Amino acid sequence: MPWVRNLRRFVGTGAGLGSEALMELETKRILLEIFKERQRKSMEAGAIPSFYKKKPEDGSISHRVQKLAKYRFLKKQSELLLNADDLDAMWVCLRENCVIDDATGAEKMNYEDFCHIATVCTEQIGQKCKRFFSPSNFMKFEKDDSGRIAILPFYLYVMRTVSLTQARIDMSELDEDSDGFLQPHEMEAYIRGLIPNLAQLRDMPSAFVQMYCRIAARKFFFFCDPHRRGKACIKKVLLSNCLQELMELHQESEEEVTDTEQAENWFSLTSAQRICDMFLALDKDTNGTLSKQELKEYADGTLTDIFIERVFDEHVRRSKVGGGNSREMDFESFLDFVLALENKDTPEGLTYLFRCLDLNGRGFLTTADIHTLFRDVHQKWIEGGNYELCIEDVRDEIWDMVKPADPLRIALNDLLSCKQGGTIASMLIDVRGFWAHDNRENLLQEEEEQVEEA
């Protein structure tokens, strides 16, 4: 019958199916696609991907190609940077096209001026300055009620960006294996290349250059290599305060800097010579390393014996010569020691000291640990002719200063969060540090009087 044939043809096309039947067909199709996709992935996962790729050997074709590609890339990036003449031209352009704020006298520009200066600078300098004049950069700076920004902060931003990019290029050139990290000899080479450009270091004796580079590089590794892997991440180095402190020697001449400021800057020639002379003075047997007895003379012998013992236990490697258990502190370990004591308020310095204070290696301090540590300070305090102390009172005072999360123990995070970790560490390892805390009010008054006199 024709109508039967037509009905079967209609049903076969699926057009006459109800919504439920159509949904079931669509579900089957989707499930089949999912099944086939999982099958494909399962077949591909049969081979385990490689997680390690061996670096090309020196002198091989792969190594030469990699080296050439890196050289060309860094050269191209260097060509995109603004040079000194370009920066001078940008500053002139900024000053010629800005407006003077009547209230403050500051030189400012609104967004229209900003766009106009961008056009002028692009015509005079080229396309390489265009990236600094983006709308997002304009929005980064503080604006007044009229929507204007000061030209000086913008210009300093450009200079700092150029300086950091140039530093990254220079460090990447010294990164032999191109892994984004600098090893000690590579960092020393970078610092050696900076010396002729730093005003305060130009007159450094040539015989002292190698020693200076060792001293300067160690601070970068102390702050940028917390796990002591022997390599510092280039990005961390660029963002650290260490690089900024080093560049301060380039900004000012030595005559304009006081002796105190030079001593406080680890990278100054005065500070480096002080560290070197200190090590030589402590090394009585002139063997190039320090014993526990020699290190006890550090800071006029004010450090406690138990602290010196703990420094050797935690931060000094066993000597390869002599007795199996003999330990001597080499120059690099001495630099870490000095950096920790001079930067007790930083997380890196406090972490170094906390390992020494943690007598049992449990990750926290108990009242018994505080009592044991302060007992040596108390002994030196009495030997110095000071008044009698109650150790329990000092222990309770430390607990009140820290306010630990766990009332029965002090962890490293407690010392970091209380903002007085450096003071507490000084009280437990150095009798001079405890004296400074005990006389803090008198010392503060003397400082205020000196400021008033000045």
Protein backbone atom coordinates (compact mmCIF):
# COMPACT_ATOMS: atom_id res chain seq x y z
CA MET A 1 0.00 0.00 0.00
CA PRO A 2 1.31 3.46 -0.88
CA TRP A 3 0.46 4.97 2.50
CA VAL A 4 2.37 2.18 4.33
CA ARG A 5 5.42 2.73 2.14
CA ASN A 6 5.28 6.47 2.67
CA LEU A 7 4.90 6.05 6.42
CA ARG A 8 7.95 3.78 6.66
CA ARG A 9 9.96 6.25 4.59
CA PHE A 10 8.88 9.09 6.88
CA VAL A 11 9.79 7.17 10.05
CA GLY A 12 13.18 6.15 8.62
CA THR A 13 14.26 9.76 8.22
CA GLY A 14 13.71 10.42 11.94
CA ALA A 15 11.50 13.39 11.24
CA GLY A 16 8.51 11.66 12.77
CA LEU A 17 10.21 10.70 16.01
CA GLY A 18 9.08 12.30 19.24
CA SER A 19 11.25 14.50 21.43
CA GLU A 20 12.19 11.62 23.76
CA ALA A 21 13.42 9.44 20.90
CA LEU A 22 15.45 12.31 19.44
CA MET A 23 17.00 12.99 22.86
CA GLU A 24 17.96 9.32 23.18
CA LEU A 25 19.63 9.31 19.77
CA GLU A 26 21.55 12.52 20.60
CA THR A 27 22.66 11.04 23.94
CA LYS A 28 23.98 7.91 22.23
CA ARG A 29 25.88 10.03 19.72
CA ILE A 30 27.52 12.14 22.46
CA LEU A 31 28.44 9.10 24.53
CA LEU A 32 29.96 7.44 21.48
CA GLU A 33 32.09 10.52 20.79
CA ILE A 34 33.27 10.59 24.44
CA PHE A 35 34.14 6.90 24.29
CA LYS A 36 36.17 7.36 21.08
CA GLU A 37 38.01 10.40 22.58
CA ARG A 38 38.96 8.45 25.69
CA GLN A 39 40.13 5.54 23.56
CA ARG A 40 42.34 7.88 21.54
CA LYS A 41 43.85 9.45 24.67
CA SER A 42 44.44 6.02 26.19
CA MET A 43 46.39 4.94 23.12
CA GLU A 44 48.46 8.13 23.16
CA ALA A 45 49.24 7.71 26.87
CA GLY A 46 50.93 4.40 26.18
CA ALA A 47 54.26 6.23 25.79
CA ILE A 48 55.44 8.14 28.90
CA PRO A 49 56.55 11.70 27.93
CA SER A 50 60.11 12.78 28.61
CA PHE A 51 60.53 14.95 31.72
CA TYR A 52 64.27 15.50 31.28
CA LYS A 53 66.12 16.66 28.22
CA LYS A 54 69.86 16.31 28.26
CA LYS A 55 71.71 19.54 27.61
CA PRO A 56 73.85 19.59 24.47
CA GLU A 57 77.54 18.92 24.96
CA ASP A 58 80.01 21.77 24.65
CA GLY A 59 81.24 22.14 21.09
CA SER A 60 78.41 20.13 19.57
CA ILE A 61 76.29 21.51 16.72
CA SER A 62 73.25 21.76 19.01
CA HIS A 63 75.25 23.72 21.56
CA ARG A 64 76.60 26.10 18.92
CA VAL A 65 73.15 26.68 17.40
CA GLN A 66 71.67 27.32 20.86
CA LYS A 67 74.47 29.75 21.68
CA LEU A 68 74.06 31.61 18.37
CA ALA A 69 70.27 31.83 18.77
CA LYS A 70 70.67 33.17 22.29
CA TYR A 71 73.24 35.75 21.12
CA ARG A 72 70.98 36.99 18.33
CA PHE A 73 67.94 37.17 20.59
CA LEU A 74 69.75 39.17 23.28
CA LYS A 75 71.27 41.45 20.65
CA LYS A 76 67.81 42.14 19.23
CA GLN A 77 66.43 42.89 22.69
CA SER A 78 69.35 45.21 23.40
CA GLU A 79 68.70 47.14 20.17
CA LEU A 80 65.11 47.76 21.30
CA LEU A 81 66.30 49.54 24.46
CA LEU A 82 66.57 53.29 24.79
CA ASN A 83 70.15 54.52 25.08
CA ALA A 84 71.40 57.53 27.04
CA ASP A 85 70.78 59.94 24.13
CA ASP A 86 67.25 58.61 23.68
CA LEU A 87 66.50 59.14 27.38
CA ASP A 88 67.85 62.68 27.24
CA ALA A 89 65.70 63.41 24.17
CA MET A 90 62.62 62.01 25.94
CA TRP A 91 63.25 64.21 28.99
CA VAL A 92 63.57 67.31 26.81
CA CYS A 93 60.37 66.40 25.00
CA LEU A 94 58.53 65.87 28.29
CA ARG A 95 59.61 69.24 29.65
CA GLU A 96 58.78 71.13 26.46
CA ASN A 97 55.25 69.76 26.26
CA CYS A 98 54.14 69.77 29.90
CA VAL A 99 52.29 72.35 31.99
CA ILE A 100 53.30 73.86 35.32
CA ASP A 101 50.97 73.29 38.27
CA ASP A 102 50.21 76.71 39.78
CA ALA A 103 49.79 75.31 43.28
CA THR A 104 52.88 73.09 43.55
CA GLY A 105 55.07 74.22 40.67
CA ALA A 106 55.38 70.60 39.52
CA GLU A 107 55.62 69.79 35.81
CA LYS A 108 52.58 67.74 34.77
CA MET A 109 50.74 66.40 31.74
CA ASN A 110 47.21 65.22 31.04
CA TYR A 111 46.32 62.36 28.74
CA GLU A 112 46.13 64.57 25.65
CA ASP A 113 49.63 65.90 26.40
CA PHE A 114 50.73 62.32 27.01
CA CYS A 115 49.53 61.23 23.55
CA HIS A 116 51.09 64.29 21.90
CA ILE A 117 54.44 63.63 23.59
CA ALA A 118 54.21 60.01 22.45
CA THR A 119 53.87 61.16 18.84
CA VAL A 120 56.78 63.61 19.12
CA CYS A 121 59.05 61.07 20.83
CA THR A 122 58.22 58.43 18.23
CA GLU A 123 59.20 60.85 15.45
CA GLN A 124 62.48 61.82 17.17
CA ILE A 125 63.53 58.51 18.79
CA GLY A 126 61.66 55.81 16.91
CA GLN A 127 59.18 53.06 17.58
CA LYS A 128 61.18 51.66 20.54
CA CYS A 129 59.81 54.36 22.87
CA LYS A 130 56.17 53.75 21.90
CA ARG A 131 55.60 50.97 24.46
CA PHE A 132 56.10 53.41 27.35
CA PHE A 133 53.22 55.62 26.21
CA SER A 134 50.39 53.10 26.51
CA PRO A 135 47.11 54.01 28.29
CA SER A 136 47.80 51.39 30.97
CA ASN A 137 51.12 53.07 31.81
CA PHE A 138 49.40 56.43 32.17
CA MET A 139 46.92 54.91 34.62
CA LYS A 140 49.72 53.57 36.83
CA PHE A 141 50.63 57.03 38.12
CA GLU A 142 48.90 59.19 40.70
CA LYS A 143 46.69 61.87 39.17
CA ASP A 144 45.57 65.23 40.53
CA ASP A 145 42.03 66.62 40.43
CA SER A 146 42.49 67.60 36.79
CA GLY A 147 43.58 64.10 35.78
CA ARG A 148 47.23 65.08 35.27
CA ILE A 149 50.35 63.11 36.22
CA ALA A 150 53.80 64.46 37.09
CA ILE A 151 56.41 63.95 34.38
CA LEU A 152 59.28 63.15 36.80
CA PRO A 153 57.85 59.88 38.19
CA PHE A 154 57.02 58.80 34.63
CA TYR A 155 60.56 59.52 33.45
CA LEU A 156 62.06 57.68 36.43
CA TYR A 157 59.80 54.72 35.61
CA VAL A 158 61.16 54.67 32.05
CA MET A 159 64.76 54.88 33.30
CA ARG A 160 64.27 52.07 35.81
CA THR A 161 62.59 49.85 33.22
CA VAL A 162 65.46 50.38 30.81
CA SER A 163 68.03 49.78 33.56
CA LEU A 164 66.41 46.53 34.74
CA THR A 165 66.00 45.25 31.18
CA GLN A 166 69.65 45.98 30.44
CA ALA A 167 70.65 44.20 33.65
CA ARG A 168 68.58 41.18 32.65
CA ILE A 169 70.23 41.07 29.23
CA ASP A 170 73.70 41.31 30.80
CA MET A 171 72.91 38.52 33.27
CA SER A 172 71.39 36.32 30.57
CA GLU A 173 74.58 36.67 28.52
CA LEU A 174 76.54 35.27 31.47
CA ASP A 175 74.04 32.44 32.07
CA GLU A 176 76.07 29.70 30.39
CA ASP A 177 73.44 26.94 30.51
CA SER A 178 70.51 29.35 29.81
CA ASP A 179 68.38 28.02 32.68
CA GLY A 180 67.49 31.44 34.13
CA PHE A 181 69.84 31.05 37.09
CA LEU A 182 73.29 32.45 37.87
CA GLN A 183 75.99 30.43 39.56
CA PRO A 184 78.50 32.15 41.90
CA HIS A 185 81.21 32.62 39.26
CA GLU A 186 78.63 34.06 36.84
CA MET A 187 77.34 36.54 39.41
CA GLU A 188 80.91 37.55 40.23
CA ALA A 189 81.56 38.14 36.53
CA TYR A 190 78.46 40.37 36.32
CA ILE A 191 79.62 42.45 39.30
CA ARG A 192 83.13 42.66 37.86
CA GLY A 193 81.68 44.12 34.68
CA LEU A 194 79.76 46.77 36.66
CA ILE A 195 82.74 48.07 38.64
CA PRO A 196 84.05 50.50 35.95
CA ASN A 197 80.58 52.09 35.73
CA LEU A 198 80.09 52.58 39.50
CA ALA A 199 81.46 55.91 40.64
CA GLN A 200 82.45 54.77 44.14
CA LEU A 201 84.32 51.67 42.91
CA ARG A 202 86.36 53.03 40.01
CA ASP A 203 89.45 53.57 42.14
CA MET A 204 89.36 50.06 43.65
CA PRO A 205 92.83 48.44 43.78
CA SER A 206 93.07 45.76 41.09
CA ALA A 207 94.38 43.25 43.64
CA PHE A 208 91.15 43.60 45.66
CA VAL A 209 88.71 43.17 42.74
CA GLN A 210 88.39 39.38 43.01
CA MET A 211 87.83 39.50 46.78
CA TYR A 212 85.30 42.30 46.39
CA CYS A 213 83.32 40.31 43.82
CA ARG A 214 83.16 37.33 46.20
CA ILE A 215 81.89 39.52 49.04
CA ALA A 216 79.35 41.34 46.86
CA ALA A 217 78.03 38.19 45.15
CA ARG A 218 77.49 36.45 48.48
CA LYS A 219 74.77 38.89 49.50
CA PHE A 220 72.81 38.11 46.35
CA PHE A 221 72.97 34.39 47.13
CA PHE A 222 72.08 34.91 50.80
CA PHE A 223 68.83 36.66 49.87
CA CYS A 224 68.01 35.10 46.47
CA ASP A 225 69.03 31.48 47.12
CA PRO A 226 67.20 30.58 50.36
CA HIS A 227 67.55 26.83 49.81
CA ARG A 228 71.31 27.14 49.25
CA ARG A 229 71.27 25.36 45.89
CA GLY A 230 74.28 27.33 44.65
CA LYS A 231 72.36 29.30 42.01
CA ALA A 232 70.25 32.46 42.14
CA CYS A 233 67.19 33.08 39.96
CA ILE A 234 67.78 36.04 37.64
CA LYS A 235 64.22 37.31 38.16
CA LYS A 236 64.68 37.28 41.95
CA VAL A 237 67.98 39.11 41.62
CA LEU A 238 66.38 41.84 39.49
CA LEU A 239 63.52 42.33 41.97
CA SER A 240 65.68 42.17 45.11
CA ASN A 241 66.80 45.14 47.16
CA CYS A 242 70.38 43.93 46.72
CA LEU A 243 70.59 45.12 43.12
CA GLN A 244 69.12 48.50 44.06
CA GLU A 245 71.66 48.81 46.88
CA LEU A 246 74.48 48.00 44.46
CA MET A 247 73.24 50.57 41.94
CA GLU A 248 73.32 53.28 44.63
CA LEU A 249 77.09 53.31 44.18
CA HIS A 250 76.49 54.49 40.63
CA GLN A 251 74.13 57.34 41.52
CA GLU A 252 76.30 59.24 43.98
CA SER A 253 79.95 60.17 44.18
CA GLU A 254 81.96 59.01 47.14
CA GLU A 255 82.50 62.57 48.41
CA GLU A 256 78.75 63.09 48.85
CA VAL A 257 78.31 59.95 50.97
CA THR A 258 79.06 59.93 54.69
CA ASP A 259 81.22 57.27 56.35
CA THR A 260 78.12 55.87 58.09
CA GLU A 261 76.24 55.46 54.81
CA GLN A 262 79.24 53.74 53.22
CA ALA A 263 79.51 51.32 56.15
CA GLU A 264 75.80 50.50 55.97
CA ASN A 265 75.95 49.68 52.26
CA TRP A 266 77.28 46.13 51.95
CA PHE A 267 78.53 46.81 48.42
CA SER A 268 80.61 49.89 49.25
CA LEU A 269 84.38 49.56 49.13
CA THR A 270 84.57 50.60 52.79
CA SER A 271 82.22 47.80 53.85
CA ALA A 272 84.00 45.16 51.76
CA GLN A 273 87.37 46.11 53.23
CA ARG A 274 85.88 46.05 56.72
CA ILE A 275 84.57 42.51 56.22
CA CYS A 276 87.88 41.33 54.80
CA ASP A 277 89.92 42.91 57.62
CA MET A 278 87.56 41.42 60.19
CA PHE A 279 88.07 37.90 58.83
CA LEU A 280 91.85 38.31 58.70
CA ALA A 281 91.91 39.61 62.28
CA LEU A 282 89.91 36.62 63.54
CA ASP A 283 92.01 34.08 61.61
CA LYS A 284 94.82 33.86 64.15
CA ASP A 285 96.51 30.80 62.62
CA THR A 286 96.19 32.26 59.07
CA ASN A 287 94.88 28.99 57.60
CA GLY A 288 92.06 30.68 55.70
CA THR A 289 89.29 29.33 57.96
CA LEU A 290 87.92 30.12 61.41
CA SER A 291 87.64 27.72 64.32
CA LYS A 292 85.00 28.02 67.04
CA GLN A 293 87.53 29.61 69.35
CA GLU A 294 88.50 32.18 66.74
CA LEU A 295 84.87 33.03 65.91
CA LYS A 296 84.13 33.65 69.60
CA GLU A 297 86.21 36.84 69.30
CA TYR A 298 83.70 38.28 66.81
CA ALA A 299 82.07 41.52 68.02
CA ASP A 300 84.48 41.77 70.98
CA GLY A 301 83.35 38.39 72.31
CA THR A 302 79.78 39.44 73.15
CA LEU A 303 78.18 36.45 71.39
CA THR A 304 77.34 33.46 73.59
CA ASP A 305 79.24 30.19 73.41
CA ILE A 306 76.11 28.14 72.81
CA PHE A 307 75.22 30.30 69.81
CA ILE A 308 78.68 29.83 68.28
CA GLU A 309 78.32 26.06 68.79
CA ARG A 310 74.93 26.08 67.08
CA VAL A 311 76.26 28.13 64.14
CA PHE A 312 78.87 25.45 63.49
CA ASP A 313 76.28 22.68 63.89
CA GLU A 314 73.81 24.20 61.45
CA HIS A 315 75.75 26.30 58.94
CA VAL A 316 79.34 25.03 58.73
CA ARG A 317 80.26 22.06 56.59
CA ARG A 318 82.61 19.38 57.85
CA SER A 319 86.20 19.88 56.82
CA LYS A 320 87.59 17.54 54.16
CA VAL A 321 91.03 17.68 55.75
CA GLY A 322 92.10 16.88 59.26
CA GLY A 323 89.93 14.92 61.66
CA GLY A 324 86.64 13.43 60.59
CA ASN A 325 84.64 15.63 62.98
CA SER A 326 86.70 18.80 62.62
CA ARG A 327 84.81 21.85 61.41
CA GLU A 328 86.24 25.15 60.22
CA MET A 329 84.26 28.11 58.92
CA ASP A 330 85.37 29.16 55.43
CA PHE A 331 85.09 32.68 54.06
CA GLU A 332 81.72 32.10 52.32
CA SER A 333 80.19 30.72 55.54
CA PHE A 334 81.62 33.70 57.43
CA LEU A 335 79.94 36.08 54.97
CA ASP A 336 76.59 34.33 55.57
CA PHE A 337 77.20 34.63 59.32
CA VAL A 338 77.85 38.38 59.10
CA LEU A 339 74.91 38.94 56.74
CA ALA A 340 72.55 37.15 59.14
CA LEU A 341 73.69 39.21 62.13
CA GLU A 342 73.52 42.49 60.21
CA ASN A 343 70.08 41.69 58.74
CA LYS A 344 68.33 40.08 61.72
CA ASP A 345 65.01 41.76 60.92
CA THR A 346 64.76 40.24 57.43
CA PRO A 347 63.10 36.85 56.85
CA GLU A 348 66.36 35.46 55.45
CA GLY A 349 68.46 36.64 58.40
CA LEU A 350 65.91 35.50 60.98
CA THR A 351 65.60 32.09 59.30
CA TYR A 352 69.38 31.65 59.57
CA LEU A 353 69.34 32.57 63.26
CA PHE A 354 66.24 30.54 64.09
CA ARG A 355 67.97 27.34 63.00
CA CYS A 356 70.64 28.12 65.61
CA LEU A 357 68.09 28.94 68.32
CA ASP A 358 66.13 25.73 67.65
CA LEU A 359 68.36 23.58 69.88
CA ASN A 360 66.57 20.31 69.15
CA GLY A 361 65.67 20.89 65.51
CA ARG A 362 61.93 20.61 66.15
CA GLY A 363 60.88 23.77 64.31
CA PHE A 364 59.84 25.66 67.46
CA LEU A 365 61.20 27.06 70.74
CA THR A 366 59.95 26.10 74.17
CA THR A 367 60.41 27.80 77.53
CA ALA A 368 63.25 25.35 78.23
CA ASP A 369 65.04 26.45 75.02
CA ILE A 370 64.68 30.13 75.96
CA HIS A 371 66.01 29.39 79.46
CA THR A 372 69.02 27.49 78.06
CA LEU A 373 69.85 30.15 75.47
CA PHE A 374 69.54 33.10 77.85
CA ARG A 375 71.59 31.41 80.56
CA ASP A 376 74.82 32.22 78.67
CA VAL A 377 73.68 35.81 78.10
CA HIS A 378 72.93 36.10 81.81
CA GLN A 379 76.42 34.86 82.67
CA LYS A 380 78.11 37.43 80.41
CA TRP A 381 75.74 40.08 81.78
CA ILE A 382 76.84 39.44 85.36
CA GLU A 383 80.51 39.23 84.36
CA GLY A 384 80.15 42.72 82.86
CA GLY A 385 79.22 44.12 86.28
CA ASN A 386 75.51 44.65 85.58
CA TYR A 387 72.64 44.17 88.00
CA GLU A 388 71.16 40.76 88.77
CA LEU A 389 68.53 39.41 86.38
CA CYS A 390 65.71 36.93 86.77
CA ILE A 391 65.79 34.61 83.76
CA GLU A 392 62.12 33.74 84.20
CA ASP A 393 61.17 37.42 83.90
CA VAL A 394 63.09 37.76 80.65
CA ARG A 395 61.50 34.58 79.34
CA ASP A 396 58.01 35.91 80.13
CA GLU A 397 58.87 39.24 78.48
CA ILE A 398 59.91 37.43 75.28
CA TRP A 399 56.65 35.49 75.30
CA ASP A 400 54.71 38.75 75.67
CA MET A 401 56.64 40.32 72.79
CA VAL A 402 55.99 37.40 70.44
CA LYS A 403 52.44 36.43 71.42
CA PRO A 404 52.77 33.03 69.66
CA ALA A 405 49.80 31.28 68.11
CA ASP A 406 50.54 28.28 70.32
CA PRO A 407 51.03 29.56 73.90
CA LEU A 408 53.50 26.73 74.65
CA ARG A 409 55.91 27.21 71.74
CA ILE A 410 57.39 29.88 69.46
CA ALA A 411 57.67 29.06 65.75
CA LEU A 412 59.57 30.94 63.06
CA ASN A 413 56.32 32.39 61.69
CA ASP A 414 55.57 33.82 65.15
CA LEU A 415 58.90 35.67 65.17
CA LEU A 416 58.32 36.97 61.64
CA SER A 417 54.77 38.15 62.33
CA CYS A 418 55.51 39.89 65.64
CA LYS A 419 57.91 42.32 63.86
CA GLN A 420 60.37 42.04 66.78
CA GLY A 421 62.12 38.83 65.77
CA GLY A 422 65.48 40.54 65.26
CA THR A 423 65.36 42.11 68.72
CA ILE A 424 64.43 38.80 70.36
CA ALA A 425 67.22 36.97 68.52
CA SER A 426 69.73 39.59 69.70
CA MET A 427 68.54 39.19 73.29
CA LEU A 428 69.18 35.43 73.16
CA ILE A 429 72.58 35.35 71.42
CA ASP A 430 74.36 38.62 72.23
CA VAL A 431 74.82 40.31 75.60
CA ARG A 432 75.23 43.62 73.78
CA GLY A 433 71.90 43.05 72.07
CA PHE A 434 70.20 42.44 75.41
CA TRP A 435 71.84 45.56 76.84
CA ALA A 436 70.46 47.61 73.91
CA HIS A 437 66.97 46.23 74.57
CA ASP A 438 67.25 46.88 78.32
CA ASN A 439 68.35 50.48 77.70
CA ARG A 440 66.12 51.15 74.69
CA GLU A 441 64.38 54.14 76.29
CA ASN A 442 67.66 55.89 77.11
CA LEU A 443 69.05 55.14 73.65
CA LEU A 444 65.90 56.51 72.02
CA GLN A 445 66.15 59.68 74.06
CA GLU A 446 69.81 60.14 73.05
CA GLU A 447 68.88 59.72 69.37
CA GLU A 448 66.17 62.35 69.66
CA GLU A 449 68.59 64.76 71.32
CA GLN A 450 71.13 64.22 68.56
CA VAL A 451 68.47 64.89 65.92
CA GLU A 452 67.45 68.11 67.68
CA GLU A 453 71.07 69.25 67.87
CA ALA A 454 71.59 68.52 64.20
